[in-house]
Amino acid sequence: MNPGWKPELVDTRRRYDVPSVGVPASRRLRRRAKNARRGAVVAETAIVMTVLIALTLGGVDLQIGVYRYNTLSEAARHGARQAMTHGALAPAAYGIWGPGTYVGTVADGSPYANAVQPLLVGFPQNDVNIDVTWPDGSNAVGQRVCYRLSTTYRPLLGFLVGYPTLNLTAVSTMPIAH
Protein backbone atom coordinates (compact mmCIF):
# COMPACT_ATOMS: atom_id res chain seq x y z
CA MET A 1 0.00 0.00 0.00
CA ASN A 2 1.09 3.45 -0.78
CA PRO A 3 1.47 5.55 2.42
CA GLY A 4 -0.01 8.69 0.80
CA TRP A 5 -2.91 6.86 -0.79
CA LYS A 6 -6.49 7.80 0.28
CA PRO A 7 -9.58 6.00 -0.89
CA GLU A 8 -11.83 8.03 -3.13
CA LEU A 9 -15.32 8.82 -1.98
CA VAL A 10 -17.89 7.97 -4.56
CA ASP A 11 -20.72 10.52 -4.72
CA THR A 12 -23.92 8.55 -5.30
CA ARG A 13 -26.33 11.32 -4.25
CA ARG A 14 -29.02 12.68 -6.47
CA ARG A 15 -29.14 16.35 -7.36
CA TYR A 16 -32.03 17.23 -4.94
CA ASP A 17 -30.00 15.86 -2.01
CA VAL A 18 -27.25 18.47 -2.48
CA PRO A 19 -28.17 20.70 0.52
CA SER A 20 -27.60 17.72 2.80
CA VAL A 21 -23.98 17.19 1.77
CA GLY A 22 -22.30 14.88 4.22
CA VAL A 23 -25.39 14.53 6.47
CA PRO A 24 -26.52 10.96 7.06
CA ALA A 25 -30.12 10.11 6.13
CA SER A 26 -31.13 9.39 9.74
CA ARG A 27 -30.07 12.88 10.82
CA ARG A 28 -31.99 14.46 7.91
CA LEU A 29 -35.16 12.64 9.01
CA ARG A 30 -34.70 13.77 12.61
CA ARG A 31 -34.26 17.38 11.46
CA ARG A 32 -37.48 17.23 9.42
CA ALA A 33 -39.38 15.78 12.39
CA LYS A 34 -37.99 18.48 14.70
CA ASN A 35 -39.01 21.26 12.29
CA ALA A 36 -42.53 19.79 11.99
CA ARG A 37 -42.80 19.61 15.81
CA ARG A 38 -41.93 23.28 16.27
CA GLY A 39 -45.27 24.39 14.80
CA ALA A 40 -47.18 22.10 17.14
CA VAL A 41 -45.28 23.42 20.16
CA VAL A 42 -46.19 27.00 19.30
CA ALA A 43 -49.89 26.12 18.99
CA GLU A 44 -49.90 24.13 22.24
CA THR A 45 -48.09 26.91 24.08
CA ALA A 46 -50.62 29.48 22.88
CA ILE A 47 -53.52 27.38 24.13
CA VAL A 48 -51.93 26.56 27.48
CA MET A 49 -50.83 30.15 28.10
CA THR A 50 -54.32 31.47 27.32
CA VAL A 51 -55.88 29.08 29.81
CA LEU A 52 -53.20 29.78 32.42
CA ILE A 53 -53.60 33.56 32.13
CA ALA A 54 -57.41 33.28 32.32
CA LEU A 55 -57.17 31.12 35.46
CA THR A 56 -54.67 33.49 37.07
CA LEU A 57 -56.76 36.58 36.34
CA GLY A 58 -59.90 34.74 37.48
CA GLY A 59 -58.21 33.83 40.75
CA VAL A 60 -57.07 37.40 41.34
CA ASP A 61 -60.56 38.64 40.49
CA LEU A 62 -62.10 36.21 42.97
CA GLN A 63 -59.66 37.34 45.67
CA ILE A 64 -60.59 40.98 45.06
CA GLY A 65 -64.29 40.09 45.38
CA VAL A 66 -63.73 38.21 48.65
CA TYR A 67 -61.64 41.10 49.98
CA ARG A 68 -64.40 43.58 49.12
CA TYR A 69 -67.02 41.41 50.82
CA ASN A 70 -64.89 41.04 53.96
CA THR A 71 -64.31 44.80 54.06
CA LEU A 72 -68.04 45.42 53.68
CA SER A 73 -68.78 42.93 56.50
CA GLU A 74 -66.25 44.57 58.80
CA ALA A 75 -67.78 47.98 58.06
CA ALA A 76 -71.29 46.65 58.84
CA ARG A 77 -70.06 45.25 62.18
CA HIS A 78 -68.39 48.58 62.96
CA GLY A 79 -71.60 50.46 62.06
CA ALA A 80 -73.67 48.16 64.30
CA ARG A 81 -71.20 48.70 67.18
CA GLN A 82 -71.55 52.46 66.70
CA ALA A 83 -75.36 52.19 66.58
CA MET A 84 -75.51 50.07 69.75
CA THR A 85 -73.77 52.85 71.71
CA HIS A 86 -76.17 55.51 70.39
CA GLY A 87 -79.34 54.12 71.98
CA ALA A 88 -81.95 55.90 74.10
CA LEU A 89 -79.57 56.27 77.09
CA ALA A 90 -76.59 57.61 75.11
CA PRO A 91 -75.04 60.88 76.30
CA ALA A 92 -76.14 63.96 74.41
CA ALA A 93 -72.60 64.45 73.08
CA TYR A 94 -72.84 61.06 71.30
CA GLY A 95 -76.26 61.68 69.85
CA ILE A 96 -79.22 59.35 69.89
CA TRP A 97 -79.89 57.19 66.85
CA GLY A 98 -83.22 55.60 66.03
CA PRO A 99 -85.71 54.09 66.43
CA GLY A 100 -86.77 55.25 62.96
CA THR A 101 -85.41 53.45 59.92
CA TYR A 102 -82.55 55.12 58.06
CA VAL A 103 -81.82 54.53 54.37
CA GLY A 104 -79.02 56.35 52.54
CA THR A 105 -75.56 56.06 51.03
CA VAL A 106 -72.08 56.38 52.47
CA ALA A 107 -71.61 59.65 50.56
CA ASP A 108 -74.55 61.52 52.19
CA GLY A 109 -72.58 62.69 55.25
CA SER A 110 -75.04 61.45 57.90
CA PRO A 111 -73.77 60.12 61.25
CA TYR A 112 -74.66 56.61 60.05
CA ALA A 113 -72.47 57.11 56.97
CA ASN A 114 -69.64 58.79 58.88
CA ALA A 115 -69.42 55.75 61.17
CA VAL A 116 -68.39 53.43 58.31
CA GLN A 117 -66.88 55.76 55.71
CA PRO A 118 -63.24 55.43 56.90
CA LEU A 119 -63.45 51.63 56.54
CA LEU A 120 -64.70 51.72 52.95
CA VAL A 121 -61.64 53.18 51.23
CA GLY A 122 -61.63 52.16 47.57
CA PHE A 123 -65.40 51.68 47.39
CA PRO A 124 -67.43 54.09 45.25
CA GLN A 125 -69.11 56.07 48.05
CA ASN A 126 -72.34 56.67 46.09
CA ASP A 127 -72.72 52.95 45.36
CA VAL A 128 -72.63 51.73 48.99
CA ASN A 129 -76.16 51.75 50.44
CA ILE A 130 -76.88 51.90 54.16
CA ASP A 131 -80.04 50.57 55.80
CA VAL A 132 -80.28 50.90 59.61
CA THR A 133 -83.34 49.43 61.34
CA TRP A 134 -84.42 48.65 64.87
CA PRO A 135 -86.27 45.29 64.54
CA ASP A 136 -87.80 45.51 68.02
CA GLY A 137 -89.22 48.98 67.32
CA SER A 138 -87.24 50.72 70.06
CA ASN A 139 -83.76 52.03 70.75
CA ALA A 140 -83.91 51.11 74.45
CA VAL A 141 -81.17 49.11 76.14
CA GLY A 142 -81.40 45.42 75.26
CA GLN A 143 -83.30 45.98 72.01
CA ARG A 144 -81.63 45.15 68.68
CA VAL A 145 -80.22 47.34 65.96
CA CYS A 146 -79.61 46.00 62.44
CA TYR A 147 -77.01 47.68 60.22
CA ARG A 148 -77.02 46.61 56.55
CA LEU A 149 -74.53 47.66 53.86
CA SER A 150 -74.92 46.70 50.21
CA THR A 151 -73.07 47.43 46.99
CA THR A 152 -72.36 45.89 43.61
CA TYR A 153 -69.06 44.38 42.53
CA ARG A 154 -68.07 44.29 38.86
CA PRO A 155 -65.56 41.46 38.32
CA LEU A 156 -62.94 41.96 35.64
CA LEU A 157 -63.75 38.63 34.00
CA GLY A 158 -67.43 38.47 34.96
CA PHE A 159 -68.58 38.69 31.37
CA LEU A 160 -66.90 35.34 30.63
CA VAL A 161 -69.06 33.46 33.14
CA GLY A 162 -72.25 35.49 32.73
CA TYR A 163 -72.02 37.63 35.90
CA PRO A 164 -71.45 41.24 34.84
CA THR A 165 -72.13 42.42 38.43
CA LEU A 166 -72.47 40.73 41.79
CA ASN A 167 -74.53 42.11 44.68
CA LEU A 168 -72.61 42.18 47.96
CA THR A 169 -74.61 42.59 51.16
CA ALA A 170 -73.38 42.55 54.75
CA VAL A 171 -75.70 42.60 57.76
CA SER A 172 -74.83 42.92 61.43
CA THR A 173 -77.34 42.88 64.27
CA MET A 174 -76.39 43.77 67.87
CA PRO A 175 -78.18 44.59 71.12
CA ILE A 176 -78.23 48.24 72.19
CA ALA A 177 -75.91 48.93 75.14
CA HIS A 178 -76.59 52.60 75.98
C-alpha atoms as a PDB file:
ATOM      1  CA  MET A   1       0.000   0.000   0.000  1.00  0.00           C
ATOM      2  CA  ASN A   2       1.086   3.450  -0.780  1.00  0.00           C
ATOM      3  CA  PRO A   3       1.470   5.547   2.417  1.00  0.00           C
ATOM      4  CA  GLY A   4      -0.006   8.690   0.798  1.00  0.00           C
ATOM      5  CA  TRP A   5      -2.913   6.865  -0.787  1.00  0.00           C
ATOM      6  CA  LYS A   6      -6.491   7.802   0.282  1.00  0.00           C
ATOM      7  CA  PRO A   7      -9.580   6.000  -0.887  1.00  0.00           C
ATOM      8  CA  GLU A   8     -11.834   8.028  -3.132  1.00  0.00           C
ATOM      9  CA  LEU A   9     -15.321   8.819  -1.976  1.00  0.00           C
ATOM     10  CA  VAL A  10     -17.889   7.968  -4.556  1.00  0.00           C
ATOM     11  CA  ASP A  11     -20.715  10.518  -4.721  1.00  0.00           C
ATOM     12  CA  THR A  12     -23.918   8.545  -5.296  1.00  0.00           C
ATOM     13  CA  ARG A  13     -26.328  11.316  -4.247  1.00  0.00           C
ATOM     14  CA  ARG A  14     -29.021  12.676  -6.470  1.00  0.00           C
ATOM     15  CA  ARG A  15     -29.141  16.346  -7.360  1.00  0.00           C
ATOM     16  CA  TYR A  16     -32.031  17.227  -4.942  1.00  0.00           C
ATOM     17  CA  ASP A  17     -30.003  15.865  -2.013  1.00  0.00           C
ATOM     18  CA  VAL A  18     -27.250  18.469  -2.483  1.00  0.00           C
ATOM     19  CA  PRO A  19     -28.174  20.703   0.516  1.00  0.00           C
ATOM     20  CA  SER A  20     -27.597  17.720   2.797  1.00  0.00           C
ATOM     21  CA  VAL A  21     -23.983  17.194   1.773  1.00  0.00           C
ATOM     22  CA  GLY A  22     -22.303  14.882   4.222  1.00  0.00           C
ATOM     23  CA  VAL A  23     -25.389  14.531   6.467  1.00  0.00           C
ATOM     24  CA  PRO A  24     -26.519  10.964   7.064  1.00  0.00           C
ATOM     25  CA  ALA A  25     -30.119  10.110   6.133  1.00  0.00           C
ATOM     26  CA  SER A  26     -31.127   9.391   9.736  1.00  0.00           C
ATOM     27  CA  ARG A  27     -30.074  12.883  10.818  1.00  0.00           C
ATOM     28  CA  ARG A  28     -31.991  14.462   7.915  1.00  0.00           C
ATOM     29  CA  LEU A  29     -35.160  12.640   9.010  1.00  0.00           C
ATOM     30  CA  ARG A  30     -34.705  13.774  12.611  1.00  0.00           C
ATOM     31  CA  ARG A  31     -34.257  17.384  11.457  1.00  0.00           C
ATOM     32  CA  ARG A  32     -37.481  17.227   9.421  1.00  0.00           C
ATOM     33  CA  ALA A  33     -39.376  15.776  12.387  1.00  0.00           C
ATOM     34  CA  LYS A  34     -37.990  18.480  14.704  1.00  0.00           C
ATOM     35  CA  ASN A  35     -39.015  21.256  12.288  1.00  0.00           C
ATOM     36  CA  ALA A  36     -42.530  19.791  11.991  1.00  0.00           C
ATOM     37  CA  ARG A  37     -42.803  19.606  15.806  1.00  0.00           C
ATOM     38  CA  ARG A  38     -41.928  23.284  16.273  1.00  0.00           C
ATOM     39  CA  GLY A  39     -45.271  24.389  14.803  1.00  0.00           C
ATOM     40  CA  ALA A  40     -47.183  22.098  17.140  1.00  0.00           C
ATOM     41  CA  VAL A  41     -45.277  23.415  20.158  1.00  0.00           C
ATOM     42  CA  VAL A  42     -46.192  26.997  19.299  1.00  0.00           C
ATOM     43  CA  ALA A  43     -49.887  26.117  18.988  1.00  0.00           C
ATOM     44  CA  GLU A  44     -49.903  24.125  22.236  1.00  0.00           C
ATOM     45  CA  THR A  45     -48.090  26.908  24.082  1.00  0.00           C
ATOM     46  CA  ALA A  46     -50.616  29.482  22.877  1.00  0.00           C
ATOM     47  CA  ILE A  47     -53.524  27.380  24.126  1.00  0.00           C
ATOM     48  CA  VAL A  48     -51.927  26.557  27.480  1.00  0.00           C
ATOM     49  CA  MET A  49     -50.828  30.152  28.099  1.00  0.00           C
ATOM     50  CA  THR A  50     -54.323  31.471  27.323  1.00  0.00           C
ATOM     51  CA  VAL A  51     -55.885  29.076  29.811  1.00  0.00           C
ATOM     52  CA  LEU A  52     -53.200  29.783  32.416  1.00  0.00           C
ATOM     53  CA  ILE A  53     -53.598  33.556  32.133  1.00  0.00           C
ATOM     54  CA  ALA A  54     -57.407  33.284  32.317  1.00  0.00           C
ATOM     55  CA  LEU A  55     -57.169  31.123  35.459  1.00  0.00           C
ATOM     56  CA  THR A  56     -54.673  33.490  37.067  1.00  0.00           C
ATOM     57  CA  LEU A  57     -56.763  36.576  36.341  1.00  0.00           C
ATOM     58  CA  GLY A  58     -59.901  34.738  37.480  1.00  0.00           C
ATOM     59  CA  GLY A  59     -58.207  33.829  40.754  1.00  0.00           C
ATOM     60  CA  VAL A  60     -57.070  37.403  41.337  1.00  0.00           C
ATOM     61  CA  ASP A  61     -60.561  38.640  40.490  1.00  0.00           C
ATOM     62  CA  LEU A  62     -62.100  36.209  42.971  1.00  0.00           C
ATOM     63  CA  GLN A  63     -59.664  37.339  45.673  1.00  0.00           C
ATOM     64  CA  ILE A  64     -60.595  40.978  45.062  1.00  0.00           C
ATOM     65  CA  GLY A  65     -64.295  40.092  45.381  1.00  0.00           C
ATOM     66  CA  VAL A  66     -63.730  38.208  48.649  1.00  0.00           C
ATOM     67  CA  TYR A  67     -61.644  41.100  49.981  1.00  0.00           C
ATOM     68  CA  ARG A  68     -64.399  43.579  49.118  1.00  0.00           C
ATOM     69  CA  TYR A  69     -67.023  41.406  50.815  1.00  0.00           C
ATOM     70  CA  ASN A  70     -64.889  41.040  53.958  1.00  0.00           C
ATOM     71  CA  THR A  71     -64.310  44.796  54.058  1.00  0.00           C
ATOM     72  CA  LEU A  72     -68.039  45.419  53.677  1.00  0.00           C
ATOM     73  CA  SER A  73     -68.777  42.932  56.499  1.00  0.00           C
ATOM     74  CA  GLU A  74     -66.254  44.575  58.797  1.00  0.00           C
ATOM     75  CA  ALA A  75     -67.778  47.984  58.064  1.00  0.00           C
ATOM     76  CA  ALA A  76     -71.287  46.652  58.840  1.00  0.00           C
ATOM     77  CA  ARG A  77     -70.057  45.254  62.175  1.00  0.00           C
ATOM     78  CA  HIS A  78     -68.395  48.580  62.963  1.00  0.00           C
ATOM     79  CA  GLY A  79     -71.596  50.461  62.061  1.00  0.00           C
ATOM     80  CA  ALA A  80     -73.667  48.163  64.303  1.00  0.00           C
ATOM     81  CA  ARG A  81     -71.200  48.701  67.177  1.00  0.00           C
ATOM     82  CA  GLN A  82     -71.553  52.458  66.699  1.00  0.00           C
ATOM     83  CA  ALA A  83     -75.360  52.195  66.585  1.00  0.00           C
ATOM     84  CA  MET A  84     -75.509  50.072  69.750  1.00  0.00           C
ATOM     85  CA  THR A  85     -73.771  52.847  71.709  1.00  0.00           C
ATOM     86  CA  HIS A  86     -76.170  55.513  70.389  1.00  0.00           C
ATOM     87  CA  GLY A  87     -79.339  54.120  71.980  1.00  0.00           C
ATOM     88  CA  ALA A  88     -81.948  55.898  74.104  1.00  0.00           C
ATOM     89  CA  LEU A  89     -79.571  56.269  77.086  1.00  0.00           C
ATOM     90  CA  ALA A  90     -76.591  57.606  75.106  1.00  0.00           C
ATOM     91  CA  PRO A  91     -75.043  60.879  76.304  1.00  0.00           C
ATOM     92  CA  ALA A  92     -76.144  63.964  74.409  1.00  0.00           C
ATOM     93  CA  ALA A  93     -72.604  64.447  73.081  1.00  0.00           C
ATOM     94  CA  TYR A  94     -72.839  61.064  71.304  1.00  0.00           C
ATOM     95  CA  GLY A  95     -76.262  61.682  69.853  1.00  0.00           C
ATOM     96  CA  ILE A  96     -79.225  59.347  69.892  1.00  0.00           C
ATOM     97  CA  TRP A  97     -79.887  57.189  66.847  1.00  0.00           C
ATOM     98  CA  GLY A  98     -83.223  55.596  66.031  1.00  0.00           C
ATOM     99  CA  PRO A  99     -85.714  54.085  66.428  1.00  0.00           C
ATOM    100  CA  GLY A 100     -86.769  55.255  62.964  1.00  0.00           C
ATOM    101  CA  THR A 101     -85.411  53.445  59.917  1.00  0.00           C
ATOM    102  CA  TYR A 102     -82.549  55.118  58.063  1.00  0.00           C
ATOM    103  CA  VAL A 103     -81.820  54.527  54.368  1.00  0.00           C
ATOM    104  CA  GLY A 104     -79.019  56.349  52.540  1.00  0.00           C
ATOM    105  CA  THR A 105     -75.558  56.061  51.032  1.00  0.00           C
ATOM    106  CA  VAL A 106     -72.076  56.379  52.473  1.00  0.00           C
ATOM    107  CA  ALA A 107     -71.611  59.652  50.564  1.00  0.00           C
ATOM    108  CA  ASP A 108     -74.547  61.516  52.190  1.00  0.00           C
ATOM    109  CA  GLY A 109     -72.578  62.690  55.252  1.00  0.00           C
ATOM    110  CA  SER A 110     -75.037  61.450  57.899  1.00  0.00           C
ATOM    111  CA  PRO A 111     -73.769  60.120  61.245  1.00  0.00           C
ATOM    112  CA  TYR A 112     -74.657  56.605  60.051  1.00  0.00           C
ATOM    113  CA  ALA A 113     -72.469  57.107  56.969  1.00  0.00           C
ATOM    114  CA  ASN A 114     -69.639  58.792  58.880  1.00  0.00           C
ATOM    115  CA  ALA A 115     -69.423  55.750  61.174  1.00  0.00           C
ATOM    116  CA  VAL A 116     -68.393  53.432  58.312  1.00  0.00           C
ATOM    117  CA  GLN A 117     -66.885  55.765  55.713  1.00  0.00           C
ATOM    118  CA  PRO A 118     -63.237  55.432  56.901  1.00  0.00           C
ATOM    119  CA  LEU A 119     -63.455  51.633  56.543  1.00  0.00           C
ATOM    120  CA  LEU A 120     -64.696  51.725  52.948  1.00  0.00           C
ATOM    121  CA  VAL A 121     -61.637  53.178  51.235  1.00  0.00           C
ATOM    122  CA  GLY A 122     -61.634  52.162  47.572  1.00  0.00           C
ATOM    123  CA  PHE A 123     -65.395  51.676  47.390  1.00  0.00           C
ATOM    124  CA  PRO A 124     -67.432  54.091  45.251  1.00  0.00           C
ATOM    125  CA  GLN A 125     -69.112  56.071  48.050  1.00  0.00           C
ATOM    126  CA  ASN A 126     -72.336  56.674  46.093  1.00  0.00           C
ATOM    127  CA  ASP A 127     -72.715  52.952  45.364  1.00  0.00           C
ATOM    128  CA  VAL A 128     -72.631  51.734  48.986  1.00  0.00           C
ATOM    129  CA  ASN A 129     -76.159  51.752  50.441  1.00  0.00           C
ATOM    130  CA  ILE A 130     -76.882  51.897  54.165  1.00  0.00           C
ATOM    131  CA  ASP A 131     -80.038  50.571  55.803  1.00  0.00           C
ATOM    132  CA  VAL A 132     -80.283  50.897  59.605  1.00  0.00           C
ATOM    133  CA  THR A 133     -83.337  49.432  61.338  1.00  0.00           C
ATOM    134  CA  TRP A 134     -84.423  48.653  64.872  1.00  0.00           C
ATOM    135  CA  PRO A 135     -86.266  45.292  64.538  1.00  0.00           C
ATOM    136  CA  ASP A 136     -87.797  45.505  68.015  1.00  0.00           C
ATOM    137  CA  GLY A 137     -89.217  48.983  67.318  1.00  0.00           C
ATOM    138  CA  SER A 138     -87.238  50.721  70.061  1.00  0.00           C
ATOM    139  CA  ASN A 139     -83.756  52.028  70.751  1.00  0.00           C
ATOM    140  CA  ALA A 140     -83.914  51.107  74.452  1.00  0.00           C
ATOM    141  CA  VAL A 141     -81.166  49.112  76.141  1.00  0.00           C
ATOM    142  CA  GLY A 142     -81.398  45.424  75.257  1.00  0.00           C
ATOM    143  CA  GLN A 143     -83.304  45.984  72.014  1.00  0.00           C
ATOM    144  CA  ARG A 144     -81.634  45.151  68.682  1.00  0.00           C
ATOM    145  CA  VAL A 145     -80.221  47.343  65.956  1.00  0.00           C
ATOM    146  CA  CYS A 146     -79.614  45.998  62.438  1.00  0.00           C
ATOM    147  CA  TYR A 147     -77.005  47.677  60.219  1.00  0.00           C
ATOM    148  CA  ARG A 148     -77.020  46.609  56.554  1.00  0.00           C
ATOM    149  CA  LEU A 149     -74.531  47.656  53.862  1.00  0.00           C
ATOM    150  CA  SER A 150     -74.919  46.703  50.213  1.00  0.00           C
ATOM    151  CA  THR A 151     -73.069  47.432  46.986  1.00  0.00           C
ATOM    152  CA  THR A 152     -72.358  45.891  43.613  1.00  0.00           C
ATOM    153  CA  TYR A 153     -69.063  44.376  42.526  1.00  0.00           C
ATOM    154  CA  ARG A 154     -68.070  44.293  38.865  1.00  0.00           C
ATOM    155  CA  PRO A 155     -65.565  41.455  38.321  1.00  0.00           C
ATOM    156  CA  LEU A 156     -62.936  41.959  35.640  1.00  0.00           C
ATOM    157  CA  LEU A 157     -63.750  38.627  34.003  1.00  0.00           C
ATOM    158  CA  GLY A 158     -67.433  38.465  34.956  1.00  0.00           C
ATOM    159  CA  PHE A 159     -68.582  38.688  31.366  1.00  0.00           C
ATOM    160  CA  LEU A 160     -66.900  35.343  30.634  1.00  0.00           C
ATOM    161  CA  VAL A 161     -69.063  33.461  33.136  1.00  0.00           C
ATOM    162  CA  GLY A 162     -72.246  35.491  32.731  1.00  0.00           C
ATOM    163  CA  TYR A 163     -72.018  37.625  35.899  1.00  0.00           C
ATOM    164  CA  PRO A 164     -71.452  41.243  34.840  1.00  0.00           C
ATOM    165  CA  THR A 165     -72.133  42.422  38.431  1.00  0.00           C
ATOM    166  CA  LEU A 166     -72.470  40.727  41.792  1.00  0.00           C
ATOM    167  CA  ASN A 167     -74.526  42.111  44.677  1.00  0.00           C
ATOM    168  CA  LEU A 168     -72.613  42.176  47.957  1.00  0.00           C
ATOM    169  CA  THR A 169     -74.615  42.593  51.162  1.00  0.00           C
ATOM    170  CA  ALA A 170     -73.377  42.552  54.750  1.00  0.00           C
ATOM    171  CA  VAL A 171     -75.703  42.599  57.760  1.00  0.00           C
ATOM    172  CA  SER A 172     -74.826  42.924  61.428  1.00  0.00           C
ATOM    173  CA  THR A 173     -77.344  42.879  64.272  1.00  0.00           C
ATOM    174  CA  MET A 174     -76.389  43.767  67.875  1.00  0.00           C
ATOM    175  CA  PRO A 175     -78.180  44.592  71.117  1.00  0.00           C
ATOM    176  CA  ILE A 176     -78.227  48.243  72.188  1.00  0.00           C
ATOM    177  CA  ALA A 177     -75.914  48.929  75.137  1.00  0.00           C
ATOM    178  CA  HIS A 178     -76.592  52.598  75.979  1.00  0.00           C
END
